Structure formats: C-alpha cells, structure tokens
C-alpha cells in the first residue's frame, strides 16, 4: 500500500512538471511570436524610411566611430570621425522639410562648434529666420 502511494505521488509530480513545462513552452512561444511580429513591423518601417530618404547610422567598429549614409540602394558613403566611442557622443539634429537630419557629431571633450558637420548645407543655419529648420538636440 505504501509503495502504491509513493508511486502515485511520483506519477503526480511528473505529471505536474510536464504540465508546467508545457505552460512555460507556450508562454515563450507566444512571446517569440510577438517579438517576431514586432521585428517585422520595425523592419518594414525602416525599409519605408530608407526608401523615402537617406538614413544616417552611427557605427562603432574596432573602437572607431563612423557614420553611414544609407539609401534604398545601400550604403551611399561612410564618414569617419575622430571621436572616441568610449566617451559620450552627441548629435545635433535639424528638422528640415519634415525629415530629421544629423547636423553634426561631437564627443564629451569637443566643443559643439568644433564638432564634425555631416552636411555642409546645414553648417551655417540662420536660427532667427522663421523659415529656418527646427533644431532638435
């Protein structure tokens, strides 16, 4: 009789563990499906943005910071910077014609006026002009 009770407890414990494992598997599967959908939405939004205009990406590789200008055809150009990505990196942005552009990049030890200007057309902006682009820092 005691062996039967022990055997029944062991079977119940194994059944409980199997049910718990199945529940955990279902939860992780649902999360993975959700993340996959989120990734697909993000990929679609990125591709739409790149199709409409260039996208500027900050790239850190081999301890160096560079910027890549990417269009729908691929990387248009890569701009190397003298800044150390191990330090704080700052970007000035301007909102121009409904698009946000990186205006310049600099690090924590560089005054903004000495930062690397990405687009020469945005180097000198008359901020007092009502038609001037909006500065977002």
N, C-alpha and C. Protein backbone atom coordinates (compact mmCIF):
# COMPACT_ATOMS: atom_id res chain seq x y z
N UNK A 1 0.82 -1.18 0.00
CA UNK A 1 0.00 0.00 0.00
C UNK A 1 0.87 1.26 0.00
N UNK A 2 1.92 1.29 0.82
CA UNK A 2 2.81 2.44 0.90
C UNK A 2 3.52 2.65 -0.43
N UNK A 3 3.88 1.55 -1.09
CA UNK A 3 4.55 1.65 -2.39
C UNK A 3 3.59 2.26 -3.42
N UNK A 4 2.34 1.91 -3.37
CA UNK A 4 1.33 2.46 -4.27
C UNK A 4 1.16 3.95 -4.08
N UNK A 5 1.16 4.39 -2.81
CA UNK A 5 1.02 5.82 -2.52
C UNK A 5 2.25 6.58 -3.02
N UNK A 6 3.45 6.03 -2.79
CA UNK A 6 4.68 6.67 -3.26
C UNK A 6 4.68 6.73 -4.77
N UNK A 7 4.30 5.63 -5.42
CA UNK A 7 4.26 5.59 -6.89
C UNK A 7 3.24 6.59 -7.42
N UNK A 8 2.11 6.71 -6.79
CA UNK A 8 1.09 7.67 -7.20
C UNK A 8 1.61 9.11 -7.05
N UNK A 9 2.33 9.38 -5.95
CA UNK A 9 2.92 10.72 -5.74
C UNK A 9 3.97 11.03 -6.80
N UNK A 10 4.79 10.05 -7.14
CA UNK A 10 5.82 10.24 -8.17
C UNK A 10 5.15 10.53 -9.52
N UNK A 11 4.14 9.78 -9.86
CA UNK A 11 3.43 9.98 -11.14
C UNK A 11 2.77 11.36 -11.15
N UNK A 12 2.16 11.76 -10.04
CA UNK A 12 1.52 13.07 -9.96
C UNK A 12 2.56 14.18 -10.09
N UNK A 13 3.72 14.01 -9.46
CA UNK A 13 4.79 15.00 -9.55
C UNK A 13 5.31 15.13 -10.97
N UNK A 14 5.51 14.00 -11.63
CA UNK A 14 5.99 14.02 -13.02
C UNK A 14 4.94 14.68 -13.92
N UNK A 15 3.68 14.35 -13.71
CA UNK A 15 2.60 14.97 -14.49
C UNK A 15 2.54 16.47 -14.27
N UNK A 16 2.71 16.89 -13.04
CA UNK A 16 2.71 18.32 -12.72
C UNK A 16 3.87 19.03 -13.42
N UNK A 17 5.06 18.43 -13.37
CA UNK A 17 6.22 19.03 -14.03
C UNK A 17 6.03 19.10 -15.55
N UNK A 18 5.44 18.07 -16.14
CA UNK A 18 5.18 18.09 -17.58
C UNK A 18 4.19 19.19 -17.93
N UNK A 19 3.14 19.33 -17.14
CA UNK A 19 2.15 20.37 -17.39
C UNK A 19 2.78 21.76 -17.25
N UNK A 20 3.62 21.93 -16.23
CA UNK A 20 4.30 23.20 -16.02
C UNK A 20 5.25 23.52 -17.17
N UNK A 21 5.98 22.51 -17.63
CA UNK A 21 6.89 22.69 -18.76
C UNK A 21 6.12 23.08 -20.03
N UNK A 22 5.00 22.45 -20.26
CA UNK A 22 4.16 22.77 -21.43
C UNK A 22 3.66 24.21 -21.34
N UNK A 23 3.26 24.64 -20.14
CA UNK A 23 2.80 26.00 -19.94
C UNK A 23 3.92 27.00 -20.21
N UNK A 24 5.12 26.74 -19.70
CA UNK A 24 6.27 27.62 -19.95
C UNK A 24 6.61 27.67 -21.43
N UNK A 25 6.56 26.54 -22.10
CA UNK A 25 6.84 26.48 -23.52
C UNK A 25 5.83 27.33 -24.30
N UNK A 26 4.57 27.24 -23.94
CA UNK A 26 3.54 28.04 -24.61
C UNK A 26 3.77 29.53 -24.39
N UNK A 27 4.15 29.91 -23.17
CA UNK A 27 4.41 31.32 -22.88
C UNK A 27 5.58 31.82 -23.71
N UNK A 28 6.68 31.07 -23.76
CA UNK A 28 7.85 31.50 -24.54
C UNK A 28 7.54 31.52 -26.03
N UNK A 29 6.75 30.58 -26.50
CA UNK A 29 6.37 30.54 -27.92
C UNK A 29 5.55 31.79 -28.26
N UNK A 30 4.60 32.14 -27.39
CA UNK A 30 3.79 33.34 -27.64
C UNK A 30 4.63 34.61 -27.63
N UNK A 31 5.58 34.68 -26.70
CA UNK A 31 6.47 35.85 -26.66
C UNK A 31 7.32 35.93 -27.92
N UNK A 32 7.81 34.79 -28.38
CA UNK A 32 8.63 34.77 -29.59
C UNK A 32 7.82 35.19 -30.81
N UNK A 33 6.59 34.74 -30.89
CA UNK A 33 5.72 35.14 -32.00
C UNK A 33 5.49 36.65 -31.94
N UNK A 34 5.24 37.19 -30.75
CA UNK A 34 5.05 38.63 -30.59
C UNK A 34 6.29 39.42 -30.98
N UNK A 35 7.46 38.97 -30.52
CA UNK A 35 8.72 39.65 -30.88
C UNK A 35 8.99 39.57 -32.37
N UNK A 36 8.66 38.45 -32.96
CA UNK A 36 8.86 38.29 -34.41
C UNK A 36 7.98 39.28 -35.17
N UNK A 37 6.74 39.45 -34.72
CA UNK A 37 5.85 40.42 -35.34
C UNK A 37 6.35 41.84 -35.16
N UNK A 38 6.83 42.15 -33.95
CA UNK A 38 7.39 43.48 -33.69
C UNK A 38 8.60 43.75 -34.57
N UNK A 39 9.47 42.75 -34.71
CA UNK A 39 10.65 42.90 -35.56
C UNK A 39 10.24 43.13 -37.01
N UNK A 40 9.25 42.41 -37.47
CA UNK A 40 8.79 42.56 -38.85
C UNK A 40 8.23 43.96 -39.08
N UNK A 41 7.49 44.49 -38.11
CA UNK A 41 6.96 45.85 -38.22
C UNK A 41 8.10 46.87 -38.26
N UNK A 42 9.10 46.67 -37.39
CA UNK A 42 10.24 47.57 -37.36
C UNK A 42 11.01 47.52 -38.68
N UNK A 43 11.21 46.33 -39.20
CA UNK A 43 11.92 46.16 -40.48
C UNK A 43 11.16 46.85 -41.61
N UNK A 44 9.85 46.72 -41.60
CA UNK A 44 9.04 47.35 -42.63
C UNK A 44 9.11 48.87 -42.53
N UNK A 45 9.02 49.41 -41.31
CA UNK A 45 9.12 50.86 -41.11
C UNK A 45 10.49 51.37 -41.55
N UNK A 46 11.54 50.64 -41.20
CA UNK A 46 12.90 51.04 -41.59
C UNK A 46 13.03 51.06 -43.11
N UNK A 47 12.53 50.02 -43.77
CA UNK A 47 12.63 49.96 -45.23
C UNK A 47 11.84 51.09 -45.89
N UNK A 48 10.68 51.44 -45.31
CA UNK A 48 9.90 52.56 -45.85
C UNK A 48 10.67 53.87 -45.68
N UNK A 49 11.30 54.06 -44.52
CA UNK A 49 12.06 55.29 -44.28
C UNK A 49 13.24 55.38 -45.23
N UNK A 50 13.94 54.30 -45.43
CA UNK A 50 15.10 54.29 -46.32
C UNK A 50 14.66 54.51 -47.76
N UNK A 51 13.49 54.01 -48.12
CA UNK A 51 13.01 54.18 -49.49
C UNK A 51 12.70 55.64 -49.79
N UNK A 52 12.29 56.40 -48.77
CA UNK A 52 11.92 57.80 -48.98
C UNK A 52 13.10 58.75 -48.93
N UNK A 53 14.10 58.42 -48.18
CA UNK A 53 15.22 59.34 -47.98
C UNK A 53 16.43 58.57 -47.48
N UNK A 54 17.49 59.28 -47.29
CA UNK A 54 18.69 58.66 -46.72
C UNK A 54 18.53 58.54 -45.21
N UNK A 55 19.17 57.55 -44.65
CA UNK A 55 19.18 57.33 -43.21
C UNK A 55 20.63 57.38 -42.76
N UNK A 56 20.90 58.13 -41.68
CA UNK A 56 22.25 58.23 -41.14
C UNK A 56 22.36 57.31 -39.95
N UNK A 57 23.35 56.44 -39.96
CA UNK A 57 23.56 55.49 -38.88
C UNK A 57 24.90 55.75 -38.23
N UNK A 58 24.93 55.70 -36.90
CA UNK A 58 26.19 55.76 -36.18
C UNK A 58 26.72 54.34 -36.06
N UNK A 59 27.97 54.12 -36.42
CA UNK A 59 28.55 52.78 -36.42
C UNK A 59 29.81 52.79 -35.56
N UNK A 60 29.89 51.83 -34.66
CA UNK A 60 31.09 51.64 -33.85
C UNK A 60 31.70 50.31 -34.26
N UNK A 61 32.94 50.37 -34.74
CA UNK A 61 33.61 49.16 -35.18
C UNK A 61 35.10 49.31 -34.89
N UNK A 62 35.66 48.32 -34.26
CA UNK A 62 37.09 48.32 -33.91
C UNK A 62 37.48 49.57 -33.11
N UNK A 63 36.60 50.01 -32.23
CA UNK A 63 36.90 51.15 -31.38
C UNK A 63 36.85 52.49 -32.09
N UNK A 64 36.30 52.53 -33.29
CA UNK A 64 36.20 53.77 -34.07
C UNK A 64 34.73 54.09 -34.32
N UNK A 65 34.42 55.38 -34.35
CA UNK A 65 33.07 55.84 -34.64
C UNK A 65 33.00 56.38 -36.05
N UNK A 66 32.04 55.92 -36.80
CA UNK A 66 31.82 56.45 -38.15
C UNK A 66 30.32 56.58 -38.37
N UNK A 67 29.96 57.26 -39.43
CA UNK A 67 28.56 57.43 -39.81
C UNK A 67 28.38 56.85 -41.20
N UNK A 68 27.30 56.16 -41.39
CA UNK A 68 26.98 55.62 -42.71
C UNK A 68 25.71 56.30 -43.20
N UNK A 69 25.74 56.78 -44.43
CA UNK A 69 24.57 57.35 -45.08
C UNK A 69 24.02 56.23 -45.96
N UNK A 70 22.82 55.77 -45.62
CA UNK A 70 22.23 54.61 -46.30
C UNK A 70 20.99 55.04 -47.07
N UNK A 71 20.89 54.58 -48.31
CA UNK A 71 19.69 54.77 -49.12
C UNK A 71 19.13 53.39 -49.44
N UNK A 72 18.07 53.36 -50.22
CA UNK A 72 17.46 52.08 -50.58
C UNK A 72 18.44 51.21 -51.38
N UNK A 73 19.41 51.83 -52.07
CA UNK A 73 20.39 51.07 -52.84
C UNK A 73 21.51 50.51 -51.96
N UNK A 74 21.60 50.97 -50.72
CA UNK A 74 22.65 50.51 -49.82
C UNK A 74 23.40 51.68 -49.23
N UNK A 75 24.60 51.42 -48.73
CA UNK A 75 25.40 52.48 -48.12
C UNK A 75 25.94 53.39 -49.22
N UNK A 76 25.56 54.67 -49.12
CA UNK A 76 25.99 55.66 -50.10
C UNK A 76 27.41 56.14 -49.81
N UNK A 77 27.66 56.41 -48.52
CA UNK A 77 29.01 56.82 -48.12
C UNK A 77 29.18 56.58 -46.63
N UNK A 78 30.45 56.46 -46.23
CA UNK A 78 30.81 56.29 -44.83
C UNK A 78 31.71 57.46 -44.45
N UNK A 79 31.40 58.09 -43.34
CA UNK A 79 32.17 59.25 -42.87
C UNK A 79 32.87 58.84 -41.58
N UNK A 80 34.18 58.83 -41.59
CA UNK A 80 34.95 58.52 -40.38
C UNK A 80 34.97 59.75 -39.49
N UNK A 81 34.97 59.52 -38.18
CA UNK A 81 35.05 60.62 -37.22
C UNK A 81 36.30 60.45 -36.37
N UNK A 82 36.78 61.53 -35.79
CA UNK A 82 37.94 61.42 -34.90
C UNK A 82 37.53 61.12 -33.45
N UNK A 83 36.25 60.88 -33.20
CA UNK A 83 35.75 60.78 -31.83
C UNK A 83 35.82 59.36 -31.29
N UNK A 84 36.09 59.29 -30.00
CA UNK A 84 36.23 58.02 -29.30
C UNK A 84 34.84 57.55 -28.85
N UNK A 85 34.35 56.43 -29.37
CA UNK A 85 33.02 55.96 -29.00
C UNK A 85 32.94 55.48 -27.55
N UNK A 86 34.08 55.38 -26.86
CA UNK A 86 34.06 55.00 -25.45
C UNK A 86 33.62 56.19 -24.59
N UNK A 87 33.63 57.38 -25.17
CA UNK A 87 33.16 58.58 -24.48
C UNK A 87 31.71 58.85 -24.89
N UNK A 88 31.11 59.82 -24.22
CA UNK A 88 29.75 60.21 -24.61
C UNK A 88 29.81 60.86 -25.99
N UNK A 89 28.89 60.45 -26.84
CA UNK A 89 28.79 61.00 -28.19
C UNK A 89 27.49 61.79 -28.28
N UNK A 90 27.59 62.98 -28.88
CA UNK A 90 26.42 63.84 -29.04
C UNK A 90 26.16 64.07 -30.53
N UNK A 91 24.88 64.19 -30.85
CA UNK A 91 24.47 64.51 -32.22
C UNK A 91 23.51 65.68 -32.16
N UNK A 92 23.72 66.66 -33.02
CA UNK A 92 22.74 67.73 -33.22
C UNK A 92 21.90 67.35 -34.42
N UNK A 93 20.61 67.55 -34.29
CA UNK A 93 19.69 67.24 -35.37
C UNK A 93 18.99 68.51 -35.82
N UNK A 94 18.56 68.52 -37.06
CA UNK A 94 17.68 69.57 -37.55
C UNK A 94 16.48 68.91 -38.22
N UNK A 95 15.34 69.53 -38.07
CA UNK A 95 14.13 69.07 -38.73
C UNK A 95 13.93 69.96 -39.95
N UNK A 96 14.05 69.38 -41.13
CA UNK A 96 14.02 70.14 -42.37
C UNK A 96 13.13 69.42 -43.37
N UNK A 97 12.11 70.11 -43.83
CA UNK A 97 11.18 69.54 -44.81
C UNK A 97 10.55 68.24 -44.32
N UNK A 98 10.23 68.19 -43.04
CA UNK A 98 9.58 67.02 -42.48
C UNK A 98 10.51 65.84 -42.24
N UNK A 99 11.81 66.06 -42.37
CA UNK A 99 12.79 64.99 -42.15
C UNK A 99 13.78 65.42 -41.09
N UNK A 100 14.24 64.48 -40.31
CA UNK A 100 15.22 64.77 -39.28
C UNK A 100 16.60 64.35 -39.80
N UNK A 101 17.54 65.29 -39.74
CA UNK A 101 18.89 65.07 -40.24
C UNK A 101 19.89 65.26 -39.12
N UNK A 102 20.91 64.41 -39.07
CA UNK A 102 22.02 64.65 -38.14
C UNK A 102 22.83 65.79 -38.73
N UNK A 103 22.97 66.85 -37.95
CA UNK A 103 23.70 68.04 -38.42
C UNK A 103 25.19 67.92 -38.12
N UNK A 104 25.50 67.54 -36.89
CA UNK A 104 26.91 67.38 -36.53
C UNK A 104 27.02 66.39 -35.38
N UNK A 105 28.25 65.88 -35.22
CA UNK A 105 28.56 64.89 -34.18
C UNK A 105 29.78 65.38 -33.43
N UNK A 106 29.79 65.18 -32.12
CA UNK A 106 30.95 65.53 -31.30
C UNK A 106 30.93 64.69 -30.04
N UNK A 107 32.05 64.66 -29.33
CA UNK A 107 32.10 63.88 -28.10
C UNK A 107 32.15 64.81 -26.89
N UNK A 108 32.25 64.23 -25.71
CA UNK A 108 32.18 64.99 -24.46
C UNK A 108 33.36 65.96 -24.29
N UNK A 109 34.45 65.74 -25.00
CA UNK A 109 35.64 66.59 -24.86
C UNK A 109 35.80 67.56 -26.02
N UNK A 110 34.78 67.67 -26.87
CA UNK A 110 34.84 68.55 -28.03
C UNK A 110 33.74 69.59 -27.93
N UNK A 111 34.07 70.87 -28.05
CA UNK A 111 33.01 71.88 -28.07
C UNK A 111 32.11 71.66 -29.29
N UNK A 112 30.82 71.89 -29.17
CA UNK A 112 29.92 71.65 -30.31
C UNK A 112 30.35 72.39 -31.58
N UNK A 113 30.86 73.62 -31.45
CA UNK A 113 31.25 74.36 -32.65
C UNK A 113 32.41 73.70 -33.39
N UNK A 114 33.14 72.81 -32.72
CA UNK A 114 34.25 72.09 -33.35
C UNK A 114 33.85 70.66 -33.75
N UNK A 115 32.57 70.36 -33.62
CA UNK A 115 32.10 69.03 -33.99
C UNK A 115 32.18 68.80 -35.49
N UNK A 116 32.02 67.56 -35.88
CA UNK A 116 32.07 67.18 -37.29
C UNK A 116 30.71 67.45 -37.93
N UNK A 117 30.67 68.39 -38.88
CA UNK A 117 29.44 68.72 -39.60
C UNK A 117 29.24 67.67 -40.69
N UNK A 118 28.08 67.06 -40.70
CA UNK A 118 27.80 65.97 -41.64
C UNK A 118 27.45 66.50 -43.02
N UNK A 119 26.64 67.54 -43.08
CA UNK A 119 26.20 68.10 -44.36
C UNK A 119 26.56 69.58 -44.37
N UNK A 120 27.41 69.99 -45.30
CA UNK A 120 27.86 71.38 -45.36
C UNK A 120 26.69 72.36 -45.55
N UNK A 121 25.59 71.91 -46.16
CA UNK A 121 24.43 72.79 -46.33
C UNK A 121 23.82 73.17 -44.98
N UNK A 122 24.07 72.37 -43.95
CA UNK A 122 23.50 72.63 -42.63
C UNK A 122 24.52 73.21 -41.66
N UNK A 123 25.70 73.56 -42.16
CA UNK A 123 26.76 74.06 -41.29
C UNK A 123 26.38 75.41 -40.68
N UNK A 124 25.90 76.32 -41.49
CA UNK A 124 25.53 77.65 -41.01
C UNK A 124 24.02 77.82 -41.17
N UNK A 125 23.32 77.73 -40.08
CA UNK A 125 21.86 77.88 -40.09
C UNK A 125 21.52 79.19 -39.42
N UNK A 126 20.71 80.00 -40.08
CA UNK A 126 20.24 81.26 -39.51
C UNK A 126 19.01 80.93 -38.65
N UNK A 127 19.25 80.71 -37.37
CA UNK A 127 18.18 80.26 -36.49
C UNK A 127 17.12 81.33 -36.25
N UNK A 128 17.44 82.61 -36.52
CA UNK A 128 16.46 83.67 -36.31
C UNK A 128 15.49 83.79 -37.48
N UNK A 129 15.82 83.18 -38.61
CA UNK A 129 14.94 83.19 -39.78
C UNK A 129 13.73 82.29 -39.50
N UNK A 130 12.51 82.81 -39.70
CA UNK A 130 11.32 81.98 -39.45
C UNK A 130 11.27 80.72 -40.31
N UNK A 131 11.92 80.74 -41.44
CA UNK A 131 11.94 79.56 -42.32
C UNK A 131 13.07 78.61 -41.98
N UNK A 132 13.84 78.91 -40.94
CA UNK A 132 14.98 78.05 -40.55
C UNK A 132 14.48 76.70 -40.07
N UNK A 133 15.29 75.69 -40.28
CA UNK A 133 14.90 74.37 -39.76
C UNK A 133 14.84 74.39 -38.24
N UNK A 134 14.03 73.53 -37.70
CA UNK A 134 13.90 73.41 -36.25
C UNK A 134 15.08 72.62 -35.73
N UNK A 135 15.73 73.09 -34.69
CA UNK A 135 16.88 72.40 -34.09
C UNK A 135 16.39 71.48 -32.98
N UNK A 136 16.75 70.25 -33.04
CA UNK A 136 16.43 69.26 -32.01
C UNK A 136 17.72 68.71 -31.47
N UNK A 137 18.00 68.93 -30.22
CA UNK A 137 19.26 68.44 -29.67
C UNK A 137 18.98 67.40 -28.62
